[in-house]
Amino acid sequence: GLVDNHLFYVARREFAEQHPELLRTVL
């Protein structure tokens, strides 16, 4: 009733932009 309490998967921006296929593999 107060918070959702999400847990997020986050990535270093440069890594996500330069290696989307590796990020996709991990996810």
PDB file of all heavy atoms in Angstrom:
ATOM      1  N   GLY A   1       0.790  -1.218   0.000  1.00  0.00           N
ATOM      2  CA  GLY A   1       0.000   0.000   0.000  1.00  0.00           C
ATOM      3  C   GLY A   1       0.827   1.275   0.000  1.00  0.00           C
ATOM      4  O   GLY A   1       0.265   2.371  -0.141  1.00  0.00           O
ATOM      5  N   LEU A   2       2.155   1.128   0.147  1.00  0.00           N
ATOM      6  CA  LEU A   2       3.022   2.304   0.214  1.00  0.00           C
ATOM      7  C   LEU A   2       4.049   2.341  -0.917  1.00  0.00           C
ATOM      8  O   LEU A   2       4.287   3.394  -1.504  1.00  0.00           O
ATOM      9  CB  LEU A   2       3.764   2.346   1.563  1.00  0.00           C
ATOM     10  CG  LEU A   2       2.917   2.558   2.812  1.00  0.00           C
ATOM     11  CD1 LEU A   2       3.798   2.473   4.056  1.00  0.00           C
ATOM     12  CD2 LEU A   2       2.208   3.919   2.767  1.00  0.00           C
ATOM     13  N   VAL A   3       4.672   1.208  -1.208  1.00  0.00           N
ATOM     14  CA  VAL A   3       5.731   1.143  -2.215  1.00  0.00           C
ATOM     15  C   VAL A   3       5.563  -0.137  -3.034  1.00  0.00           C
ATOM     16  O   VAL A   3       4.947  -1.098  -2.599  1.00  0.00           O
ATOM     17  CB  VAL A   3       7.131   1.155  -1.567  1.00  0.00           C
ATOM     18  CG1 VAL A   3       7.373   2.460  -0.828  1.00  0.00           C
ATOM     19  CG2 VAL A   3       7.310  -0.040  -0.647  1.00  0.00           C
ATOM     20  N   ASP A   4       6.169  -0.139  -4.214  1.00  0.00           N
ATOM     21  CA  ASP A   4       6.158  -1.350  -5.048  1.00  0.00           C
ATOM     22  C   ASP A   4       7.315  -2.275  -4.700  1.00  0.00           C
ATOM     23  O   ASP A   4       7.197  -3.492  -4.807  1.00  0.00           O
ATOM     24  CB  ASP A   4       6.250  -0.974  -6.524  1.00  0.00           C
ATOM     25  CG  ASP A   4       4.946  -0.449  -7.078  1.00  0.00           C
ATOM     26  OD1 ASP A   4       3.902  -0.695  -6.456  1.00  0.00           O
ATOM     27  OD2 ASP A   4       4.971   0.216  -8.130  1.00  0.00           O
ATOM     28  N   ASN A   5       8.447  -1.707  -4.306  1.00  0.00           N
ATOM     29  CA  ASN A   5       9.655  -2.471  -4.013  1.00  0.00           C
ATOM     30  C   ASN A   5      10.083  -3.291  -5.226  1.00  0.00           C
ATOM     31  O   ASN A   5      10.140  -4.518  -5.209  1.00  0.00           O
ATOM     32  CB  ASN A   5       9.456  -3.388  -2.798  1.00  0.00           C
ATOM     33  CG  ASN A   5      10.766  -4.047  -2.368  1.00  0.00           C
ATOM     34  OD1 ASN A   5      11.841  -3.495  -2.570  1.00  0.00           O
ATOM     35  ND2 ASN A   5      10.664  -5.233  -1.794  1.00  0.00           N
ATOM     36  N   HIS A   6      10.419  -2.597  -6.294  1.00  0.00           N
ATOM     37  CA  HIS A   6      10.973  -3.245  -7.477  1.00  0.00           C
ATOM     38  C   HIS A   6      12.467  -3.523  -7.273  1.00  0.00           C
ATOM     39  O   HIS A   6      13.157  -2.795  -6.564  1.00  0.00           O
ATOM     40  CB  HIS A   6      10.836  -2.344  -8.706  1.00  0.00           C
ATOM     41  CG  HIS A   6       9.494  -2.383  -9.347  1.00  0.00           C
ATOM     42  ND1 HIS A   6       9.059  -3.453 -10.094  1.00  0.00           N
ATOM     43  CD2 HIS A   6       8.482  -1.485  -9.351  1.00  0.00           C
ATOM     44  CE1 HIS A   6       7.839  -3.210 -10.549  1.00  0.00           C
ATOM     45  NE2 HIS A   6       7.461  -2.022 -10.107  1.00  0.00           N
ATOM     46  N   LEU A   7      12.946  -4.567  -7.924  1.00  0.00           N
ATOM     47  CA  LEU A   7      14.376  -4.786  -8.087  1.00  0.00           C
ATOM     48  C   LEU A   7      14.674  -4.641  -9.568  1.00  0.00           C
ATOM     49  O   LEU A   7      13.964  -5.202 -10.407  1.00  0.00           O
ATOM     50  CB  LEU A   7      14.780  -6.178  -7.597  1.00  0.00           C
ATOM     51  CG  LEU A   7      14.737  -6.377  -6.074  1.00  0.00           C
ATOM     52  CD1 LEU A   7      14.970  -7.848  -5.736  1.00  0.00           C
ATOM     53  CD2 LEU A   7      15.785  -5.514  -5.383  1.00  0.00           C
ATOM     54  N   PHE A   8      15.719  -3.872  -9.886  1.00  0.00           N
ATOM     55  CA  PHE A   8      16.022  -3.563 -11.283  1.00  0.00           C
ATOM     56  C   PHE A   8      17.320  -4.210 -11.739  1.00  0.00           C
ATOM     57  O   PHE A   8      18.279  -4.333 -10.967  1.00  0.00           O
ATOM     58  CB  PHE A   8      16.144  -2.046 -11.467  1.00  0.00           C
ATOM     59  CG  PHE A   8      14.838  -1.324 -11.406  1.00  0.00           C
ATOM     60  CD1 PHE A   8      14.490  -0.595 -10.277  1.00  0.00           C
ATOM     61  CD2 PHE A   8      13.939  -1.365 -12.465  1.00  0.00           C
ATOM     62  CE1 PHE A   8      13.281   0.080 -10.211  1.00  0.00           C
ATOM     63  CE2 PHE A   8      12.729  -0.697 -12.411  1.00  0.00           C
ATOM     64  CZ  PHE A   8      12.396   0.025 -11.291  1.00  0.00           C
ATOM     65  N   TYR A   9      17.325  -4.596 -13.004  1.00  0.00           N
ATOM     66  CA  TYR A   9      18.553  -4.968 -13.693  1.00  0.00           C
ATOM     67  C   TYR A   9      19.035  -3.713 -14.415  1.00  0.00           C
ATOM     68  O   TYR A   9      18.283  -3.115 -15.203  1.00  0.00           O
ATOM     69  CB  TYR A   9      18.297  -6.107 -14.680  1.00  0.00           C
ATOM     70  CG  TYR A   9      17.882  -7.381 -13.984  1.00  0.00           C
ATOM     71  CD1 TYR A   9      16.551  -7.604 -13.648  1.00  0.00           C
ATOM     72  CD2 TYR A   9      18.831  -8.344 -13.634  1.00  0.00           C
ATOM     73  CE1 TYR A   9      16.165  -8.760 -12.988  1.00  0.00           C
ATOM     74  CE2 TYR A   9      18.447  -9.501 -12.971  1.00  0.00           C
ATOM     75  CZ  TYR A   9      17.115  -9.707 -12.647  1.00  0.00           C
ATOM     76  OH  TYR A   9      16.725 -10.847 -11.979  1.00  0.00           O
ATOM     77  N   VAL A  10      20.251  -3.315 -14.107  1.00  0.00           N
ATOM     78  CA  VAL A  10      20.808  -2.091 -14.683  1.00  0.00           C
ATOM     79  C   VAL A  10      22.109  -2.437 -15.398  1.00  0.00           C
ATOM     80  O   VAL A  10      22.775  -3.429 -15.068  1.00  0.00           O
ATOM     81  CB  VAL A  10      21.059  -1.016 -13.608  1.00  0.00           C
ATOM     82  CG1 VAL A  10      19.751  -0.539 -13.002  1.00  0.00           C
ATOM     83  CG2 VAL A  10      21.986  -1.537 -12.510  1.00  0.00           C
ATOM     84  N   ALA A  11      22.453  -1.627 -16.376  1.00  0.00           N
ATOM     85  CA  ALA A  11      23.675  -1.862 -17.141  1.00  0.00           C
ATOM     86  C   ALA A  11      24.434  -0.557 -17.317  1.00  0.00           C
ATOM     87  O   ALA A  11      23.835   0.529 -17.374  1.00  0.00           O
ATOM     88  CB  ALA A  11      23.349  -2.461 -18.509  1.00  0.00           C
ATOM     89  N   ARG A  12      25.747  -0.666 -17.378  1.00  0.00           N
ATOM     90  CA  ARG A  12      26.570   0.493 -17.717  1.00  0.00           C
ATOM     91  C   ARG A  12      26.199   0.927 -19.132  1.00  0.00           C
ATOM     92  O   ARG A  12      26.144   0.124 -20.050  1.00  0.00           O
ATOM     93  CB  ARG A  12      28.050   0.108 -17.623  1.00  0.00           C
ATOM     94  CG  ARG A  12      29.023   1.244 -17.759  1.00  0.00           C
ATOM     95  CD  ARG A  12      30.423   0.805 -17.330  1.00  0.00           C
ATOM     96  NE  ARG A  12      30.880  -0.349 -18.092  1.00  0.00           N
ATOM     97  CZ  ARG A  12      31.480  -0.290 -19.279  1.00  0.00           C
ATOM     98  NH1 ARG A  12      31.697   0.903 -19.853  1.00  0.00           N
ATOM     99  NH2 ARG A  12      31.868  -1.377 -19.900  1.00  0.00           N
ATOM    100  N   ARG A  13      25.905   2.207 -19.295  1.00  0.00           N
ATOM    101  CA  ARG A  13      25.366   2.686 -20.570  1.00  0.00           C
ATOM    102  C   ARG A  13      26.275   2.336 -21.757  1.00  0.00           C
ATOM    103  O   ARG A  13      25.808   1.847 -22.777  1.00  0.00           O
ATOM    104  CB  ARG A  13      25.133   4.205 -20.526  1.00  0.00           C
ATOM    105  CG  ARG A  13      24.607   4.770 -21.848  1.00  0.00           C
ATOM    106  CD  ARG A  13      24.351   6.252 -21.762  1.00  0.00           C
ATOM    107  NE  ARG A  13      23.130   6.541 -21.010  1.00  0.00           N
ATOM    108  CZ  ARG A  13      21.907   6.522 -21.522  1.00  0.00           C
ATOM    109  NH1 ARG A  13      21.726   6.186 -22.795  1.00  0.00           N
ATOM    110  NH2 ARG A  13      20.866   6.823 -20.778  1.00  0.00           N
ATOM    111  N   GLU A  14      27.558   2.584 -21.624  1.00  0.00           N
ATOM    112  CA  GLU A  14      28.465   2.310 -22.735  1.00  0.00           C
ATOM    113  C   GLU A  14      28.454   0.828 -23.104  1.00  0.00           C
ATOM    114  O   GLU A  14      28.456   0.464 -24.290  1.00  0.00           O
ATOM    115  CB  GLU A  14      29.884   2.751 -22.380  1.00  0.00           C
ATOM    116  CG  GLU A  14      30.886   2.578 -23.509  1.00  0.00           C
ATOM    117  CD  GLU A  14      32.281   3.031 -23.130  1.00  0.00           C
ATOM    118  OE1 GLU A  14      32.530   3.271 -21.928  1.00  0.00           O
ATOM    119  OE2 GLU A  14      33.125   3.147 -24.035  1.00  0.00           O
ATOM    120  N   PHE A  15      28.426  -0.039 -22.091  1.00  0.00           N
ATOM    121  CA  PHE A  15      28.380  -1.479 -22.356  1.00  0.00           C
ATOM    122  C   PHE A  15      27.095  -1.851 -23.080  1.00  0.00           C
ATOM    123  O   PHE A  15      27.114  -2.592 -24.069  1.00  0.00           O
ATOM    124  CB  PHE A  15      28.477  -2.254 -21.038  1.00  0.00           C
ATOM    125  CG  PHE A  15      28.242  -3.729 -21.192  1.00  0.00           C
ATOM    126  CD1 PHE A  15      29.253  -4.565 -21.638  1.00  0.00           C
ATOM    127  CD2 PHE A  15      26.997  -4.279 -20.892  1.00  0.00           C
ATOM    128  CE1 PHE A  15      29.024  -5.936 -21.790  1.00  0.00           C
ATOM    129  CE2 PHE A  15      26.770  -5.643 -21.044  1.00  0.00           C
ATOM    130  CZ  PHE A  15      27.784  -6.476 -21.492  1.00  0.00           C
ATOM    131  N   ALA A  16      25.957  -1.326 -22.619  1.00  0.00           N
ATOM    132  CA  ALA A  16      24.670  -1.655 -23.232  1.00  0.00           C
ATOM    133  C   ALA A  16      24.601  -1.191 -24.680  1.00  0.00           C
ATOM    134  O   ALA A  16      24.043  -1.880 -25.537  1.00  0.00           O
ATOM    135  CB  ALA A  16      23.533  -1.031 -22.426  1.00  0.00           C
ATOM    136  N   GLU A  17      25.178  -0.032 -24.959  1.00  0.00           N
ATOM    137  CA  GLU A  17      25.121   0.512 -26.313  1.00  0.00           C
ATOM    138  C   GLU A  17      26.107  -0.175 -27.264  1.00  0.00           C
ATOM    139  O   GLU A  17      25.818  -0.357 -28.447  1.00  0.00           O
ATOM    140  CB  GLU A  17      25.385   2.015 -26.270  1.00  0.00           C
ATOM    141  CG  GLU A  17      24.274   2.800 -25.583  1.00  0.00           C
ATOM    142  CD  GLU A  17      24.578   4.278 -25.435  1.00  0.00           C
ATOM    143  OE1 GLU A  17      25.766   4.665 -25.540  1.00  0.00           O
ATOM    144  OE2 GLU A  17      23.635   5.045 -25.194  1.00  0.00           O
ATOM    145  N   GLN A  18      27.266  -0.587 -26.728  1.00  0.00           N
ATOM    146  CA  GLN A  18      28.289  -1.170 -27.587  1.00  0.00           C
ATOM    147  C   GLN A  18      28.196  -2.688 -27.707  1.00  0.00           C
ATOM    148  O   GLN A  18      28.659  -3.268 -28.688  1.00  0.00           O
ATOM    149  CB  GLN A  18      29.672  -0.781 -27.075  1.00  0.00           C
ATOM    150  CG  GLN A  18      29.967   0.702 -27.184  1.00  0.00           C
ATOM    151  CD  GLN A  18      31.398   1.042 -26.782  1.00  0.00           C
ATOM    152  OE1 GLN A  18      32.181   0.173 -26.419  1.00  0.00           O
ATOM    153  NE2 GLN A  18      31.733   2.331 -26.860  1.00  0.00           N
ATOM    154  N   HIS A  19      27.572  -3.330 -26.697  1.00  0.00           N
ATOM    155  CA  HIS A  19      27.491  -4.796 -26.699  1.00  0.00           C
ATOM    156  C   HIS A  19      26.073  -5.278 -26.392  1.00  0.00           C
ATOM    157  O   HIS A  19      25.857  -6.026 -25.434  1.00  0.00           O
ATOM    158  CB  HIS A  19      28.468  -5.378 -25.672  1.00  0.00           C
ATOM    159  CG  HIS A  19      29.892  -5.006 -25.919  1.00  0.00           C
ATOM    160  ND1 HIS A  19      30.634  -5.551 -26.938  1.00  0.00           N
ATOM    161  CD2 HIS A  19      30.697  -4.124 -25.282  1.00  0.00           C
ATOM    162  CE1 HIS A  19      31.857  -5.033 -26.917  1.00  0.00           C
ATOM    163  NE2 HIS A  19      31.915  -4.156 -25.931  1.00  0.00           N
ATOM    164  N   PRO A  20      25.103  -4.867 -27.191  1.00  0.00           N
ATOM    165  CA  PRO A  20      23.715  -5.271 -26.904  1.00  0.00           C
ATOM    166  C   PRO A  20      23.528  -6.780 -26.929  1.00  0.00           C
ATOM    167  O   PRO A  20      22.699  -7.317 -26.182  1.00  0.00           O
ATOM    168  CB  PRO A  20      22.914  -4.586 -28.012  1.00  0.00           C
ATOM    169  CG  PRO A  20      23.902  -4.351 -29.119  1.00  0.00           C
ATOM    170  CD  PRO A  20      25.191  -4.053 -28.421  1.00  0.00           C
ATOM    171  N   GLU A  21      24.308  -7.490 -27.757  1.00  0.00           N
ATOM    172  CA  GLU A  21      24.152  -8.942 -27.849  1.00  0.00           C
ATOM    173  C   GLU A  21      24.625  -9.627 -26.563  1.00  0.00           C
ATOM    174  O   GLU A  21      24.050 -10.642 -26.131  1.00  0.00           O
ATOM    175  CB  GLU A  21      24.920  -9.481 -29.071  1.00  0.00           C
ATOM    176  CG  GLU A  21      26.433  -9.529 -28.953  1.00  0.00           C
ATOM    177  CD  GLU A  21      27.117  -8.163 -28.974  1.00  0.00           C
ATOM    178  OE1 GLU A  21      26.434  -7.148 -29.275  1.00  0.00           O
ATOM    179  OE2 GLU A  21      28.323  -8.096 -28.692  1.00  0.00           O
ATOM    180  N   LEU A  22      25.649  -9.082 -25.913  1.00  0.00           N
ATOM    181  CA  LEU A  22      26.106  -9.647 -24.647  1.00  0.00           C
ATOM    182  C   LEU A  22      25.113  -9.338 -23.525  1.00  0.00           C
ATOM    183  O   LEU A  22      24.848 -10.187 -22.673  1.00  0.00           O
ATOM    184  CB  LEU A  22      27.491  -9.115 -24.297  1.00  0.00           C
ATOM    185  CG  LEU A  22      28.612  -9.474 -25.277  1.00  0.00           C
ATOM    186  CD1 LEU A  22      29.948  -8.925 -24.774  1.00  0.00           C
ATOM    187  CD2 LEU A  22      28.698 -10.976 -25.484  1.00  0.00           C
ATOM    188  N   LEU A  23      24.577  -8.140 -23.532  1.00  0.00           N
ATOM    189  CA  LEU A  23      23.555  -7.792 -22.550  1.00  0.00           C
ATOM    190  C   LEU A  23      22.338  -8.697 -22.711  1.00  0.00           C
ATOM    191  O   LEU A  23      21.792  -9.211 -21.730  1.00  0.00           O
ATOM    192  CB  LEU A  23      23.147  -6.324 -22.708  1.00  0.00           C
ATOM    193  CG  LEU A  23      22.003  -5.835 -21.805  1.00  0.00           C
ATOM    194  CD1 LEU A  23      22.319  -6.055 -20.339  1.00  0.00           C
ATOM    195  CD2 LEU A  23      21.709  -4.365 -22.092  1.00  0.00           C
ATOM    196  N   ARG A  24      21.916  -8.909 -23.943  1.00  0.00           N
ATOM    197  CA  ARG A  24      20.773  -9.776 -24.219  1.00  0.00           C
ATOM    198  C   ARG A  24      21.035 -11.197 -23.721  1.00  0.00           C
ATOM    199  O   ARG A  24      20.146 -11.843 -23.136  1.00  0.00           O
ATOM    200  CB  ARG A  24      20.516  -9.787 -25.731  1.00  0.00           C
ATOM    201  CG  ARG A  24      19.447 -10.711 -26.247  1.00  0.00           C
ATOM    202  CD  ARG A  24      18.072 -10.252 -25.852  1.00  0.00           C
ATOM    203  NE  ARG A  24      17.660 -10.873 -24.597  1.00  0.00           N
ATOM    204  CZ  ARG A  24      16.763 -10.364 -23.780  1.00  0.00           C
ATOM    205  NH1 ARG A  24      16.185  -9.214 -24.041  1.00  0.00           N
ATOM    206  NH2 ARG A  24      16.415 -10.993 -22.677  1.00  0.00           N
ATOM    207  N   THR A  25      22.263 -11.685 -23.927  1.00  0.00           N
ATOM    208  CA  THR A  25      22.624 -13.026 -23.470  1.00  0.00           C
ATOM    209  C   THR A  25      22.506 -13.146 -21.961  1.00  0.00           C
ATOM    210  O   THR A  25      21.959 -14.127 -21.435  1.00  0.00           O
ATOM    211  CB  THR A  25      24.072 -13.356 -23.901  1.00  0.00           C
ATOM    212  OG1 THR A  25      24.134 -13.357 -25.336  1.00  0.00           O
ATOM    213  CG2 THR A  25      24.508 -14.720 -23.383  1.00  0.00           C
ATOM    214  N   VAL A  26      23.008 -12.146 -21.234  1.00  0.00           N
ATOM    215  CA  VAL A  26      22.934 -12.167 -19.770  1.00  0.00           C
ATOM    216  C   VAL A  26      21.492 -12.110 -19.302  1.00  0.00           C
ATOM    217  O   VAL A  26      21.069 -12.875 -18.418  1.00  0.00           O
ATOM    218  CB  VAL A  26      23.747 -11.003 -19.178  1.00  0.00           C
ATOM    219  CG1 VAL A  26      23.514 -10.899 -17.672  1.00  0.00           C
ATOM    220  CG2 VAL A  26      25.237 -11.191 -19.464  1.00  0.00           C
ATOM    221  N   LEU A  27      20.685 -11.232 -19.878  1.00  0.00           N
ATOM    222  CA  LEU A  27      19.291 -11.109 -19.460  1.00  0.00           C
ATOM    223  C   LEU A  27      18.503 -12.383 -19.758  1.00  0.00           C
ATOM    224  O   LEU A  27      17.627 -12.782 -18.976  1.00  0.00           O
ATOM    225  CB  LEU A  27      18.641  -9.908 -20.146  1.00  0.00           C
ATOM    226  CG  LEU A  27      19.154  -8.531 -19.706  1.00  0.00           C
ATOM    227  CD1 LEU A  27      18.464  -7.431 -20.508  1.00  0.00           C
ATOM    228  CD2 LEU A  27      18.938  -8.305 -18.210  1.00  0.00           C
TER     229      LEU A  27
END
